[in-house]
Amino acid sequence: MKHFILKACIFFSLLLGGWISSSCRGGATPSSTSGDSAPARIDTLEIKLLFAGDIMTHGPQIESAKCEGGRMYDFSSSFDTLASRIGAADLAIGNLETTFAGAPYSGYPTFSSPDAMGEALKNAGFDVLTTANNHTADKGKKGIIRTLDMLDSLGIAHTGSYRDIFDRDKMTPLILEVKGVRIAILAYTYGTNGMPVPAPTWVDPIDTVMIKKDLLRADSLGADYRIVQIHWGIEYRKEPDSEQLELARKLHRYGDDAIIGSHPHVVQGSQWLKSDSKTSFVIYSMGNFISNQRKPAATRGGMLLSLTLRKVGDRITTHPDYQYVFVNKRTPQGKRVYRLLPVDPFSSDTLPSLPPEEQRDYKEFAKYYQMIPLVLIEREDNRIRNRLQVSQRAF
């Protein structure tokens, strides 16, 4: 009888203890299993970044943009075919390789563009213009400061040049929040064509100690994604040189997520830089966006790069896509224009209706860019996959 009573007490104690224990775990019953519970939801979002290459206004472009009477300018037609694409991006960024120094206006070798060019870029959808390149100091202190004033008046964010070093300390890095993601943008140049940067203004040089500190500061300010726009390389060269390759690897180690190159005036290939803890995207040169350059034919346009950022939980991945653009300079009737056309060098179907001279340049342009290695994550176009294989050998 004692044994029965003892066993009964143990049974009810275990039963009660199990009920209390399950209640403390939130009421789960012994029959519940992890397979029966709903999986945790992981939030995802996408951010589309768009990058344009060198934005220049040579003398013939300025003349072409003159309105009747010669005192007003209109550059809007240069961008009308791409405005919807640029405007659809969550953040559109370009390299401003000219100044807004005021009249008299001039093209190469010392650029000063009419303010109407800035208005056209704003209306086309650009949100950010980087201002660290070899033409930043073309018009001295006035050119640097007035350019920044003009961009501020248009509501276009900027980075790379500053009114003084204190201005830089307050504004670097440029951090913009898009859909809750904090994106840091930095810009640097190899030089300013031998022209001294007049005090107290400042243009960010390629200084690896400075860049490393800037990237660390971006991290301390809560940046989720870090972009370095860098003016480097050798003009008209198809492939990046050893200095570009070495510097790109350093920037990857310093923690950047994307490197956007400019200066060669032709598109150079893209590449993934990988380490155990990180993957970075680099395109070594975007080529020209808008200009009057013609030779070699590859300078007749360049790249409009799309980077889609996909955020799943706390992880952000980069997904590139590419759109070549060609600067149409004359109508079939011979009238001078500077109009950007989206083109596909691999397809004759997209060959625009152009005058014979323009057709010849376009064919050379297309032939050149069929050989440029560009990396992708997923795409079914075998020709582009072939370029991916070439890129792995080239770099």
Protein backbone atom coordinates (compact mmCIF):
# COMPACT_ATOMS: atom_id res chain seq x y z
CA MET A 1 0.00 0.00 0.00
CA LYS A 2 2.88 2.38 0.87
CA HIS A 3 4.50 1.57 -2.44
CA PHE A 4 1.23 2.38 -4.29
CA ILE A 5 0.82 5.68 -2.43
CA LEU A 6 4.48 6.61 -3.12
CA LYS A 7 4.14 5.80 -6.82
CA ALA A 8 0.91 7.80 -7.00
CA CYS A 9 2.56 10.82 -5.36
CA ILE A 10 5.50 10.65 -7.78
CA PHE A 11 3.12 10.38 -10.76
CA PHE A 12 1.03 13.39 -9.77
CA SER A 13 4.17 15.39 -8.88
CA LEU A 14 5.64 14.76 -12.32
CA LEU A 15 2.33 15.57 -13.98
CA LEU A 16 1.97 18.82 -12.05
CA GLY A 17 5.62 19.74 -12.60
CA GLY A 18 5.30 19.14 -16.32
CA TRP A 19 2.19 21.32 -16.48
CA ILE A 20 3.92 24.13 -14.56
CA SER A 21 7.04 23.81 -16.71
CA SER A 22 5.05 23.93 -19.94
CA SER A 23 3.10 26.94 -18.67
CA CYS A 24 6.35 28.79 -17.98
CA ARG A 25 7.43 28.12 -21.58
CA GLY A 26 4.44 30.04 -22.86
CA GLY A 27 1.78 27.37 -22.77
CA ALA A 28 3.30 24.97 -25.28
CA THR A 29 1.84 21.49 -25.00
CA PRO A 30 3.99 18.36 -24.93
CA SER A 31 2.63 17.34 -28.33
CA SER A 32 3.85 20.58 -30.03
CA THR A 33 6.95 20.31 -32.23
CA SER A 34 9.10 22.90 -33.99
CA GLY A 35 7.82 21.59 -37.31
CA ASP A 36 4.29 22.66 -36.44
CA SER A 37 5.22 26.30 -35.67
CA ALA A 38 5.14 29.01 -38.38
CA PRO A 39 8.60 30.03 -39.72
CA ALA A 40 9.91 33.41 -38.62
CA ARG A 41 9.25 36.12 -41.20
CA ILE A 42 12.35 37.77 -42.70
CA ASP A 43 11.79 41.27 -44.04
CA THR A 44 13.17 41.99 -47.51
CA LEU A 45 13.47 45.17 -49.55
CA GLU A 46 15.14 46.42 -52.72
CA ILE A 47 16.88 49.71 -53.41
CA LYS A 48 17.83 50.72 -56.94
CA LEU A 49 20.97 52.83 -57.32
CA LEU A 50 21.86 54.33 -60.70
CA PHE A 51 25.31 55.64 -61.66
CA ALA A 52 26.34 57.75 -64.66
CA GLY A 53 29.89 58.38 -65.86
CA ASP A 54 31.65 61.63 -66.78
CA ILE A 55 29.31 64.60 -67.30
CA MET A 56 31.05 67.23 -69.45
CA THR A 57 30.06 70.19 -71.60
CA HIS A 58 32.49 70.98 -74.39
CA GLY A 59 32.23 74.19 -76.41
CA PRO A 60 30.07 72.74 -79.23
CA GLN A 61 27.59 71.40 -76.66
CA ILE A 62 27.23 74.85 -75.13
CA GLU A 63 26.67 76.41 -78.56
CA SER A 64 24.14 73.72 -79.43
CA ALA A 65 22.16 74.42 -76.23
CA LYS A 66 21.76 78.15 -76.96
CA CYS A 67 18.19 79.33 -77.28
CA GLU A 68 17.09 82.05 -79.69
CA GLY A 69 18.77 85.31 -78.78
CA GLY A 70 21.84 83.52 -77.45
CA ARG A 71 21.44 84.48 -73.79
CA MET A 72 19.55 81.42 -72.53
CA TYR A 73 20.48 77.74 -72.67
CA ASP A 74 18.54 74.49 -72.62
CA PHE A 75 20.23 71.10 -72.21
CA SER A 76 17.07 69.14 -71.42
CA SER A 77 16.93 67.36 -74.79
CA SER A 78 20.24 65.64 -73.98
CA PHE A 79 18.55 63.54 -71.31
CA ASP A 80 14.92 63.19 -72.38
CA THR A 81 15.28 59.58 -73.59
CA LEU A 82 16.75 58.52 -70.23
CA ALA A 83 14.80 60.72 -67.80
CA SER A 84 12.25 58.02 -66.95
CA ARG A 85 15.01 55.50 -66.24
CA ILE A 86 16.99 57.96 -64.10
CA GLY A 87 13.90 59.17 -62.29
CA ALA A 88 12.82 55.62 -61.48
CA ALA A 89 15.96 54.99 -59.41
CA ASP A 90 15.80 55.40 -55.66
CA LEU A 91 19.13 57.24 -55.88
CA ALA A 92 20.76 58.51 -59.10
CA ILE A 93 24.43 59.55 -58.91
CA GLY A 94 26.69 61.14 -61.54
CA ASN A 95 30.26 62.45 -61.83
CA LEU A 96 30.14 66.20 -62.53
CA GLU A 97 33.29 66.80 -64.59
CA THR A 98 32.69 70.49 -65.14
CA THR A 99 32.08 73.59 -63.03
CA PHE A 100 29.29 76.11 -62.68
CA ALA A 101 31.65 79.06 -62.43
CA GLY A 102 29.40 81.45 -64.34
CA ALA A 103 30.00 83.35 -67.58
CA PRO A 104 32.01 83.39 -69.75
CA TYR A 105 31.23 79.76 -70.43
CA SER A 106 33.89 77.42 -71.76
CA GLY A 107 34.62 73.81 -72.59
CA TYR A 108 37.91 71.93 -72.64
CA PRO A 109 40.51 72.47 -71.22
CA THR A 110 38.96 74.56 -68.41
CA PHE A 111 35.25 73.88 -68.08
CA SER A 112 32.53 76.30 -67.02
CA SER A 113 29.00 75.24 -67.90
CA PRO A 114 25.82 77.32 -67.98
CA ASP A 115 23.62 76.85 -64.92
CA ALA A 116 21.02 75.37 -67.26
CA MET A 117 23.11 72.20 -67.38
CA GLY A 118 22.63 71.76 -63.63
CA GLU A 119 18.89 72.38 -64.04
CA ALA A 120 18.72 69.74 -66.79
CA LEU A 121 20.51 67.19 -64.59
CA LYS A 122 18.11 67.91 -61.74
CA ASN A 123 15.08 67.61 -64.01
CA ALA A 124 16.44 64.36 -65.46
CA GLY A 125 16.36 62.88 -61.96
CA PHE A 126 19.88 63.09 -60.54
CA ASP A 127 19.98 63.16 -56.73
CA VAL A 128 23.77 63.27 -56.15
CA LEU A 129 26.70 64.67 -58.13
CA THR A 130 30.25 63.90 -57.08
CA THR A 131 32.70 66.77 -57.53
CA ALA A 132 36.17 65.27 -57.05
CA ASN A 133 37.90 65.00 -60.43
CA ASN A 134 40.71 66.54 -62.44
CA HIS A 135 38.53 69.46 -63.63
CA THR A 136 37.21 70.54 -60.21
CA ALA A 137 39.72 73.40 -59.93
CA ASP A 138 39.45 74.55 -63.58
CA LYS A 139 38.07 77.96 -62.55
CA GLY A 140 39.85 78.35 -59.23
CA LYS A 141 38.20 79.18 -55.92
CA LYS A 142 35.24 80.90 -57.55
CA GLY A 143 34.51 77.83 -59.67
CA ILE A 144 34.62 75.44 -56.71
CA ILE A 145 32.43 77.56 -54.45
CA ARG A 146 29.91 78.65 -57.08
CA THR A 147 29.49 75.04 -58.23
CA LEU A 148 28.61 73.98 -54.69
CA ASP A 149 26.25 76.97 -54.33
CA MET A 150 24.53 76.03 -57.57
CA LEU A 151 24.08 72.39 -56.53
CA ASP A 152 22.72 73.47 -53.14
CA SER A 153 20.21 75.80 -54.82
CA LEU A 154 18.99 72.89 -56.97
CA GLY A 155 18.71 70.51 -54.04
CA ILE A 156 21.33 68.14 -55.49
CA ALA A 157 23.48 66.47 -52.83
CA HIS A 158 27.24 66.47 -53.46
CA THR A 159 30.55 65.23 -52.10
CA GLY A 160 34.22 65.43 -53.07
CA SER A 161 34.89 69.21 -52.96
CA TYR A 162 34.26 71.72 -50.19
CA ARG A 163 34.32 75.43 -49.36
CA ASP A 164 36.94 74.73 -46.68
CA ILE A 165 38.29 71.89 -44.54
CA PHE A 166 35.76 72.63 -41.79
CA ASP A 167 32.99 72.18 -44.35
CA ARG A 168 34.51 68.82 -45.19
CA ASP A 169 34.63 67.73 -41.56
CA LYS A 170 30.90 68.43 -41.25
CA MET A 171 29.83 66.89 -44.56
CA THR A 172 32.02 63.80 -45.00
CA PRO A 173 30.89 61.18 -45.52
CA LEU A 174 27.70 62.07 -47.35
CA ILE A 175 25.08 59.73 -45.87
CA LEU A 176 21.63 59.45 -47.39
CA GLU A 177 18.86 57.27 -45.98
CA VAL A 178 16.82 55.33 -48.54
CA LYS A 179 13.99 53.07 -47.34
CA GLY A 180 15.61 52.96 -43.93
CA VAL A 181 19.04 51.97 -45.32
CA ARG A 182 21.89 54.42 -44.64
CA ILE A 183 24.07 54.80 -47.76
CA ALA A 184 27.47 56.51 -47.45
CA ILE A 185 29.02 58.14 -50.54
CA LEU A 186 32.65 59.28 -50.76
CA ALA A 187 34.56 60.74 -53.74
CA TYR A 188 38.26 61.20 -54.46
CA THR A 189 40.52 62.23 -57.37
CA TYR A 190 44.11 61.52 -58.40
CA GLY A 191 44.64 65.26 -58.97
CA THR A 192 43.41 68.49 -60.57
CA ASN A 193 45.50 68.70 -63.76
CA GLY A 194 48.40 70.29 -61.91
CA MET A 195 46.26 73.23 -60.83
CA PRO A 196 46.61 74.02 -57.13
CA VAL A 197 43.40 73.85 -55.11
CA PRO A 198 43.14 77.45 -53.83
CA ALA A 199 42.76 77.99 -50.08
CA PRO A 200 40.50 77.68 -48.25
CA THR A 201 38.71 75.31 -50.66
CA TRP A 202 39.36 71.59 -50.58
CA VAL A 203 39.16 68.72 -53.08
CA ASP A 204 39.48 65.17 -51.74
CA PRO A 205 42.66 63.49 -53.03
CA ILE A 206 43.28 59.76 -53.33
CA ASP A 207 44.94 59.33 -49.95
CA THR A 208 44.53 55.83 -48.56
CA VAL A 209 44.97 56.96 -44.94
CA MET A 210 42.18 59.52 -45.41
CA ILE A 211 39.92 57.05 -47.22
CA LYS A 212 40.33 54.45 -44.50
CA LYS A 213 39.42 57.02 -41.83
CA ASP A 214 36.41 58.18 -43.87
CA LEU A 215 35.12 54.61 -44.19
CA LEU A 216 35.58 54.04 -40.45
CA ARG A 217 33.69 57.27 -39.79
CA ALA A 218 30.90 56.06 -42.09
CA ASP A 219 30.67 52.92 -39.96
CA SER A 220 30.58 54.96 -36.76
CA LEU A 221 27.67 56.98 -38.19
CA GLY A 222 25.68 53.82 -38.87
CA ALA A 223 26.24 53.39 -42.62
CA ASP A 224 24.76 50.16 -43.96
CA TYR A 225 26.33 50.46 -47.44
CA ARG A 226 29.52 52.31 -48.46
CA ILE A 227 30.21 53.66 -51.98
CA VAL A 228 33.55 55.08 -53.12
CA GLN A 229 33.45 57.09 -56.36
CA ILE A 230 37.06 57.42 -57.50
CA HIS A 231 38.70 59.36 -60.34
CA TRP A 232 41.74 57.31 -61.40
CA GLY A 233 43.41 55.36 -64.19
CA ILE A 234 44.78 56.19 -67.62
CA GLU A 235 42.69 57.96 -70.25
CA TYR A 236 41.38 55.85 -73.17
CA ARG A 237 42.84 52.61 -71.80
CA LYS A 238 40.57 49.57 -72.18
CA GLU A 239 41.75 47.78 -69.03
CA PRO A 240 42.52 49.00 -65.50
CA ASP A 241 46.19 49.46 -64.72
CA SER A 242 48.07 47.89 -61.81
CA GLU A 243 47.56 50.93 -59.57
CA GLN A 244 43.78 50.73 -59.99
CA LEU A 245 43.78 47.01 -59.22
CA GLU A 246 45.93 47.46 -56.12
CA LEU A 247 43.92 50.40 -54.81
CA ALA A 248 40.63 48.56 -55.39
CA ARG A 249 41.88 45.66 -53.26
CA LYS A 250 42.86 48.11 -50.50
CA LEU A 251 39.45 49.78 -50.53
CA HIS A 252 37.85 46.35 -50.30
CA ARG A 253 39.93 45.57 -47.22
CA TYR A 254 38.98 48.95 -45.73
CA GLY A 255 35.32 47.95 -45.92
CA ASP A 256 33.72 49.53 -48.99
CA ASP A 257 30.78 47.82 -50.69
CA ALA A 258 31.03 49.37 -54.17
CA ILE A 259 33.76 51.21 -56.08
CA ILE A 260 32.63 53.38 -59.00
CA GLY A 261 35.51 54.44 -61.24
CA SER A 262 35.82 57.34 -63.67
CA HIS A 263 38.41 59.35 -65.68
CA PRO A 264 39.53 57.04 -68.56
CA HIS A 265 36.55 58.28 -70.69
CA VAL A 266 35.95 54.69 -71.84
CA VAL A 267 34.24 51.88 -69.97
CA GLN A 268 36.55 49.47 -68.18
CA GLY A 269 35.39 46.12 -66.82
CA SER A 270 33.72 45.23 -63.55
CA GLN A 271 34.73 42.65 -60.97
CA TRP A 272 33.81 41.07 -57.65
CA LEU A 273 36.39 41.44 -54.87
CA LYS A 274 35.94 38.75 -52.23
CA SER A 275 37.34 37.93 -48.82
CA ASP A 276 36.17 35.61 -46.06
CA SER A 277 33.90 38.25 -44.54
CA LYS A 278 32.93 40.51 -47.45
CA THR A 279 32.19 40.89 -51.15
CA SER A 280 32.67 44.24 -52.93
CA PHE A 281 31.65 45.30 -56.43
CA VAL A 282 33.97 47.42 -58.57
CA ILE A 283 33.59 48.92 -62.03
CA TYR A 284 36.94 50.40 -62.99
CA SER A 285 35.55 53.08 -65.29
CA MET A 286 32.05 54.15 -66.32
CA GLY A 287 33.26 55.99 -69.42
CA ASN A 288 31.58 59.19 -70.62
CA PHE A 289 27.96 59.95 -69.96
CA ILE A 290 27.61 63.17 -71.98
CA SER A 291 30.40 64.99 -73.85
CA ASN A 292 31.61 66.05 -77.29
CA GLN A 293 34.47 63.55 -77.37
CA ARG A 294 34.67 61.45 -80.52
CA LYS A 295 38.01 59.66 -80.81
CA PRO A 296 38.41 56.88 -80.05
CA ALA A 297 34.83 55.95 -80.86
CA ALA A 298 34.45 54.35 -77.41
CA THR A 299 34.36 57.87 -75.94
CA ARG A 300 31.08 58.55 -77.79
CA GLY A 301 29.25 57.28 -74.70
CA GLY A 302 29.56 54.96 -71.77
CA MET A 303 27.71 53.17 -69.04
CA LEU A 304 24.56 53.76 -67.06
CA LEU A 305 25.08 51.29 -64.21
CA SER A 306 22.26 49.96 -62.07
CA LEU A 307 23.05 48.41 -58.69
CA THR A 308 20.05 46.83 -57.01
CA LEU A 309 20.62 46.38 -53.29
CA ARG A 310 18.63 43.50 -51.82
CA LYS A 311 18.31 43.54 -48.06
CA VAL A 312 17.21 40.29 -46.42
CA GLY A 313 17.24 40.64 -42.66
CA ASP A 314 20.51 42.41 -41.88
CA ARG A 315 22.34 41.25 -45.03
CA ILE A 316 22.64 43.41 -48.15
CA THR A 317 23.69 41.96 -51.49
CA THR A 318 24.60 43.86 -54.68
CA HIS A 319 23.07 43.01 -58.05
CA PRO A 320 24.52 44.89 -61.06
CA ASP A 321 22.95 45.52 -64.44
CA TYR A 322 24.29 47.60 -67.33
CA GLN A 323 22.90 49.97 -69.92
CA TYR A 324 25.22 51.44 -72.53
CA VAL A 325 24.49 54.96 -73.79
CA PHE A 326 25.63 56.62 -77.02
CA VAL A 327 25.75 60.38 -77.65
CA ASN A 328 23.93 61.18 -80.88
CA LYS A 329 25.48 64.41 -82.20
CA ARG A 330 23.62 65.04 -85.46
CA THR A 331 20.15 64.52 -86.84
CA PRO A 332 19.70 62.91 -90.29
CA GLN A 333 19.23 66.47 -91.58
CA GLY A 334 22.68 67.43 -90.25
CA LYS A 335 21.51 69.57 -87.32
CA ARG A 336 23.86 69.43 -84.33
CA VAL A 337 22.35 67.77 -81.26
CA TYR A 338 23.71 66.07 -78.14
CA ARG A 339 21.15 63.45 -77.26
CA LEU A 340 21.79 60.32 -75.21
CA LEU A 341 20.48 57.08 -76.70
CA PRO A 342 20.22 53.80 -74.77
CA VAL A 343 21.88 51.12 -76.90
CA ASP A 344 22.85 47.45 -76.82
CA PRO A 345 26.22 46.79 -78.50
CA PHE A 346 25.26 43.11 -78.98
CA SER A 347 22.10 43.75 -80.96
CA SER A 348 21.74 45.31 -84.38
CA ASP A 349 18.05 45.74 -83.58
CA THR A 350 18.84 48.70 -81.32
CA LEU A 351 21.02 50.46 -83.91
CA PRO A 352 19.56 53.95 -83.98
CA SER A 353 18.61 55.73 -87.17
CA LEU A 354 21.66 57.94 -87.59
CA PRO A 355 23.45 59.82 -90.39
CA PRO A 356 26.25 57.80 -92.10
CA GLU A 357 29.08 59.37 -90.07
CA GLU A 358 27.23 58.71 -86.83
CA GLN A 359 26.54 55.13 -87.97
CA ARG A 360 30.26 54.51 -88.49
CA ASP A 361 31.11 55.81 -85.02
CA TYR A 362 28.33 53.78 -83.46
CA LYS A 363 29.54 50.55 -85.10
CA GLU A 364 33.07 51.15 -83.79
CA PHE A 365 31.61 51.99 -80.38
CA ALA A 366 29.57 48.75 -80.33
CA LYS A 367 32.50 46.62 -81.49
CA TYR A 368 34.70 48.01 -78.72
CA TYR A 369 32.18 47.37 -75.97
CA GLN A 370 31.43 43.82 -77.02
CA MET A 371 34.83 42.93 -75.54
CA ILE A 372 34.54 44.63 -72.13
CA PRO A 373 34.26 42.12 -69.24
CA LEU A 374 31.27 42.78 -66.97
CA VAL A 375 30.27 40.62 -64.01
CA LEU A 376 26.73 39.61 -63.15
CA ILE A 377 25.00 37.47 -60.58
CA GLU A 378 22.26 35.89 -62.70
CA ARG A 379 21.47 36.49 -66.35
CA GLU A 380 20.57 34.19 -69.22
CA ASP A 381 22.48 36.02 -71.94
CA ASN A 382 25.31 33.64 -72.86
CA ARG A 383 27.27 36.39 -74.55
CA ILE A 384 27.44 38.27 -71.27
CA ARG A 385 28.37 35.07 -69.46
CA ASN A 386 31.25 34.77 -71.90
CA ARG A 387 32.35 38.25 -70.90
CA LEU A 388 32.20 37.14 -67.28
CA GLN A 389 34.65 34.34 -68.10
CA VAL A 390 36.90 36.83 -69.87
CA SER A 391 36.82 39.13 -66.84
CA GLN A 392 38.08 36.39 -64.54
CA ARG A 393 41.10 35.95 -66.80
CA ALA A 394 41.68 39.66 -67.40
CA PHE A 395 42.00 40.78 -63.79
